[in-house]
N, C-alpha and C. Protein backbone atom coordinates (compact mmCIF):
# COMPACT_ATOMS: atom_id res chain seq x y z
N MET A 1 -67.18 -4.32 4.83
CA MET A 1 -66.32 -3.18 4.37
C MET A 1 -65.71 -2.50 5.60
N MET A 2 -64.40 -2.33 5.54
CA MET A 2 -63.70 -1.64 6.67
C MET A 2 -63.79 -0.18 6.49
N GLU A 3 -64.23 0.54 7.54
CA GLU A 3 -64.33 1.97 7.53
C GLU A 3 -63.22 2.51 8.36
N ASN A 4 -62.59 3.57 7.85
CA ASN A 4 -61.53 4.22 8.58
C ASN A 4 -62.07 5.63 9.01
N LYS A 5 -61.75 6.04 10.19
CA LYS A 5 -62.15 7.35 10.68
C LYS A 5 -60.84 8.10 10.92
N ARG A 6 -60.78 9.34 10.48
CA ARG A 6 -59.62 10.12 10.63
C ARG A 6 -59.97 11.37 11.51
N ARG A 7 -59.28 11.52 12.60
CA ARG A 7 -59.47 12.66 13.41
C ARG A 7 -58.11 13.18 13.93
N ASP A 8 -57.85 14.44 13.67
CA ASP A 8 -56.68 15.13 14.20
C ASP A 8 -55.38 14.25 13.98
N GLY A 9 -55.18 13.75 12.79
CA GLY A 9 -53.97 13.03 12.47
C GLY A 9 -53.97 11.58 12.79
N PHE A 10 -55.03 11.02 13.33
CA PHE A 10 -55.16 9.62 13.68
C PHE A 10 -56.00 8.89 12.67
N ILE A 11 -55.62 7.73 12.26
CA ILE A 11 -56.45 6.87 11.44
C ILE A 11 -56.70 5.55 12.21
N ILE A 12 -57.93 5.28 12.49
CA ILE A 12 -58.29 4.12 13.25
C ILE A 12 -59.37 3.34 12.52
N SER A 13 -59.13 2.09 12.27
CA SER A 13 -60.10 1.31 11.50
C SER A 13 -61.13 0.79 12.48
N ASP A 14 -62.31 0.40 11.90
CA ASP A 14 -63.42 -0.08 12.71
C ASP A 14 -63.28 -1.48 13.25
N ASN A 15 -62.15 -2.14 12.93
CA ASN A 15 -61.94 -3.48 13.50
C ASN A 15 -61.26 -3.44 14.86
N GLY A 16 -61.12 -2.22 15.40
CA GLY A 16 -60.59 -2.08 16.81
C GLY A 16 -59.07 -2.28 16.84
N LEU A 17 -58.60 -2.28 18.08
CA LEU A 17 -57.19 -2.48 18.29
C LEU A 17 -56.96 -3.86 18.96
N ASP A 18 -55.91 -4.52 18.49
CA ASP A 18 -55.56 -5.79 19.07
C ASP A 18 -54.38 -5.52 20.03
N LEU A 19 -54.68 -5.43 21.31
CA LEU A 19 -53.68 -5.02 22.30
C LEU A 19 -53.29 -6.16 23.19
N THR A 20 -52.01 -6.31 23.47
CA THR A 20 -51.53 -7.19 24.49
C THR A 20 -50.90 -6.34 25.58
N TYR A 21 -51.35 -6.57 26.80
CA TYR A 21 -50.85 -5.76 27.91
C TYR A 21 -50.78 -6.56 29.21
N THR A 22 -49.90 -6.09 30.13
CA THR A 22 -49.75 -6.73 31.37
C THR A 22 -50.61 -6.05 32.45
N SER A 23 -50.63 -6.64 33.62
CA SER A 23 -51.40 -6.06 34.69
C SER A 23 -50.84 -4.73 35.17
N ASP A 24 -49.49 -4.64 35.05
CA ASP A 24 -48.83 -3.33 35.40
C ASP A 24 -49.16 -2.22 34.40
N MET A 25 -49.27 -2.65 33.14
CA MET A 25 -49.65 -1.69 32.12
C MET A 25 -51.14 -1.27 32.31
N GLU A 26 -52.01 -2.15 32.68
CA GLU A 26 -53.41 -1.90 32.99
C GLU A 26 -53.48 -0.88 34.14
N LYS A 27 -52.71 -1.11 35.21
CA LYS A 27 -52.71 -0.24 36.33
C LYS A 27 -52.23 1.14 35.98
N ALA A 28 -51.18 1.21 35.19
CA ALA A 28 -50.62 2.50 34.75
C ALA A 28 -51.65 3.24 33.86
N MET A 29 -52.34 2.51 33.03
CA MET A 29 -53.40 3.19 32.18
C MET A 29 -54.47 3.82 33.03
N HIS A 30 -54.89 3.06 34.07
CA HIS A 30 -55.94 3.55 34.95
C HIS A 30 -55.39 4.80 35.74
N GLN A 31 -54.21 4.72 36.20
CA GLN A 31 -53.65 5.87 36.97
C GLN A 31 -53.48 7.12 36.10
N ALA A 32 -53.03 6.89 34.89
CA ALA A 32 -52.72 8.05 34.02
C ALA A 32 -53.97 8.61 33.32
N HIS A 33 -54.91 7.75 32.95
CA HIS A 33 -56.02 8.18 32.09
C HIS A 33 -57.41 7.84 32.63
N GLY A 34 -57.46 7.05 33.71
CA GLY A 34 -58.75 6.74 34.35
C GLY A 34 -59.60 5.72 33.61
N ILE A 35 -58.95 5.01 32.65
CA ILE A 35 -59.71 3.94 31.89
C ILE A 35 -58.74 2.74 31.75
N GLY A 36 -59.36 1.61 31.47
CA GLY A 36 -58.56 0.40 31.25
C GLY A 36 -58.35 0.19 29.70
N TYR A 37 -57.50 -0.81 29.38
CA TYR A 37 -57.19 -1.07 28.00
C TYR A 37 -58.37 -1.49 27.16
N ALA A 38 -59.29 -2.25 27.82
CA ALA A 38 -60.49 -2.72 27.09
C ALA A 38 -61.30 -1.53 26.63
N GLU A 39 -61.55 -0.60 27.49
CA GLU A 39 -62.30 0.63 27.13
C GLU A 39 -61.56 1.45 26.12
N TYR A 40 -60.22 1.57 26.38
CA TYR A 40 -59.38 2.31 25.41
C TYR A 40 -59.45 1.75 24.02
N ALA A 41 -59.35 0.43 23.91
CA ALA A 41 -59.36 -0.23 22.64
C ALA A 41 -60.64 -0.14 21.86
N SER A 42 -61.73 -0.06 22.61
CA SER A 42 -63.05 -0.16 21.98
C SER A 42 -63.71 1.22 21.70
N ASP A 43 -63.05 2.33 22.09
CA ASP A 43 -63.71 3.62 21.90
C ASP A 43 -62.72 4.59 21.23
N ILE A 44 -63.07 4.91 19.95
CA ILE A 44 -62.18 5.75 19.16
C ILE A 44 -61.97 7.06 19.83
N ASP A 45 -62.93 7.63 20.41
CA ASP A 45 -62.75 8.97 21.05
C ASP A 45 -61.77 8.87 22.23
N LYS A 46 -61.87 7.78 22.96
CA LYS A 46 -60.88 7.55 24.10
C LYS A 46 -59.47 7.39 23.60
N ILE A 47 -59.35 6.70 22.48
CA ILE A 47 -58.01 6.46 21.88
C ILE A 47 -57.41 7.83 21.51
N ILE A 48 -58.16 8.62 20.85
CA ILE A 48 -57.72 9.95 20.39
C ILE A 48 -57.40 10.78 21.59
N GLU A 49 -58.22 10.79 22.64
CA GLU A 49 -57.92 11.64 23.78
C GLU A 49 -56.66 11.25 24.45
N VAL A 50 -56.47 9.95 24.68
CA VAL A 50 -55.28 9.42 25.32
C VAL A 50 -54.01 9.71 24.51
N GLU A 51 -54.12 9.47 23.20
CA GLU A 51 -52.94 9.68 22.36
C GLU A 51 -52.58 11.16 22.22
N GLN A 52 -53.57 12.03 22.27
CA GLN A 52 -53.27 13.47 22.21
C GLN A 52 -52.57 13.89 23.53
N LYS A 53 -53.01 13.40 24.64
CA LYS A 53 -52.39 13.66 25.94
C LYS A 53 -50.96 13.15 25.94
N ARG A 54 -50.74 11.96 25.40
CA ARG A 54 -49.38 11.38 25.35
C ARG A 54 -48.49 12.18 24.45
N GLU A 55 -48.99 12.64 23.30
CA GLU A 55 -48.19 13.49 22.38
C GLU A 55 -47.83 14.80 23.05
N LEU A 56 -48.81 15.43 23.68
CA LEU A 56 -48.48 16.73 24.36
C LEU A 56 -47.46 16.54 25.46
N SER A 57 -47.56 15.48 26.21
CA SER A 57 -46.60 15.18 27.24
C SER A 57 -45.23 14.96 26.64
N HIS A 58 -45.18 14.24 25.55
CA HIS A 58 -43.87 13.98 24.85
C HIS A 58 -43.26 15.28 24.39
N GLN A 59 -44.09 16.15 23.78
CA GLN A 59 -43.56 17.45 23.27
C GLN A 59 -43.04 18.27 24.39
N LYS A 60 -43.76 18.33 25.53
CA LYS A 60 -43.31 19.12 26.70
C LYS A 60 -42.02 18.59 27.28
N ASN A 61 -41.92 17.30 27.37
CA ASN A 61 -40.69 16.69 27.87
C ASN A 61 -39.58 16.90 26.96
N HIS A 62 -39.77 16.84 25.65
CA HIS A 62 -38.67 17.09 24.69
C HIS A 62 -38.17 18.52 24.81
N LYS A 63 -39.09 19.49 24.93
CA LYS A 63 -38.70 20.87 25.11
C LYS A 63 -37.90 21.08 26.41
N MET A 64 -38.31 20.43 27.48
CA MET A 64 -37.66 20.53 28.76
C MET A 64 -36.24 20.02 28.65
N VAL A 65 -36.07 18.84 28.04
CA VAL A 65 -34.71 18.26 27.88
C VAL A 65 -33.83 19.16 27.06
N ALA A 66 -34.42 19.71 25.95
CA ALA A 66 -33.63 20.70 25.12
C ALA A 66 -33.22 21.89 25.90
N GLU A 67 -34.06 22.41 26.72
CA GLU A 67 -33.67 23.58 27.54
C GLU A 67 -32.62 23.29 28.56
N LEU A 68 -32.74 22.08 29.22
CA LEU A 68 -31.73 21.62 30.17
C LEU A 68 -30.36 21.43 29.45
N ASN A 69 -30.42 20.85 28.27
CA ASN A 69 -29.16 20.67 27.53
C ASN A 69 -28.51 21.96 27.21
N LYS A 70 -29.31 22.99 26.86
CA LYS A 70 -28.80 24.35 26.53
C LYS A 70 -28.11 24.92 27.77
N GLN A 71 -28.73 24.71 28.98
CA GLN A 71 -28.20 25.29 30.19
C GLN A 71 -26.90 24.53 30.56
N VAL A 72 -26.85 23.27 30.37
CA VAL A 72 -25.67 22.45 30.73
C VAL A 72 -24.49 22.82 29.88
N HIS A 73 -24.75 23.09 28.57
CA HIS A 73 -23.65 23.32 27.61
C HIS A 73 -23.35 24.75 27.38
N LYS A 74 -23.67 25.63 28.31
CA LYS A 74 -23.36 27.11 28.18
C LYS A 74 -21.89 27.29 28.37
C-alpha cells in the first residue's frame, strides 16, 4: 500500500523520487544545499527543506524583478 505524507503543501509518496541528474546538477545541489541528489531523493524532510528554500528564493526574486520593473517604467 502506498502511503502519502503531506507537509506544508507538499505530497510525497513513499516510493521515493525517480531523479535523473548530471554531474553539474549534483555539484550545484551540494553547493546550494549541502546534500547530493541521492540523499535528497531518499529523505522526505530534506526534500521539503530544499523545496521550501527554493520557493522562498523564487518569491524574493519575483518581488525584486517587480520592483525593478516599477522603477524602470516610472
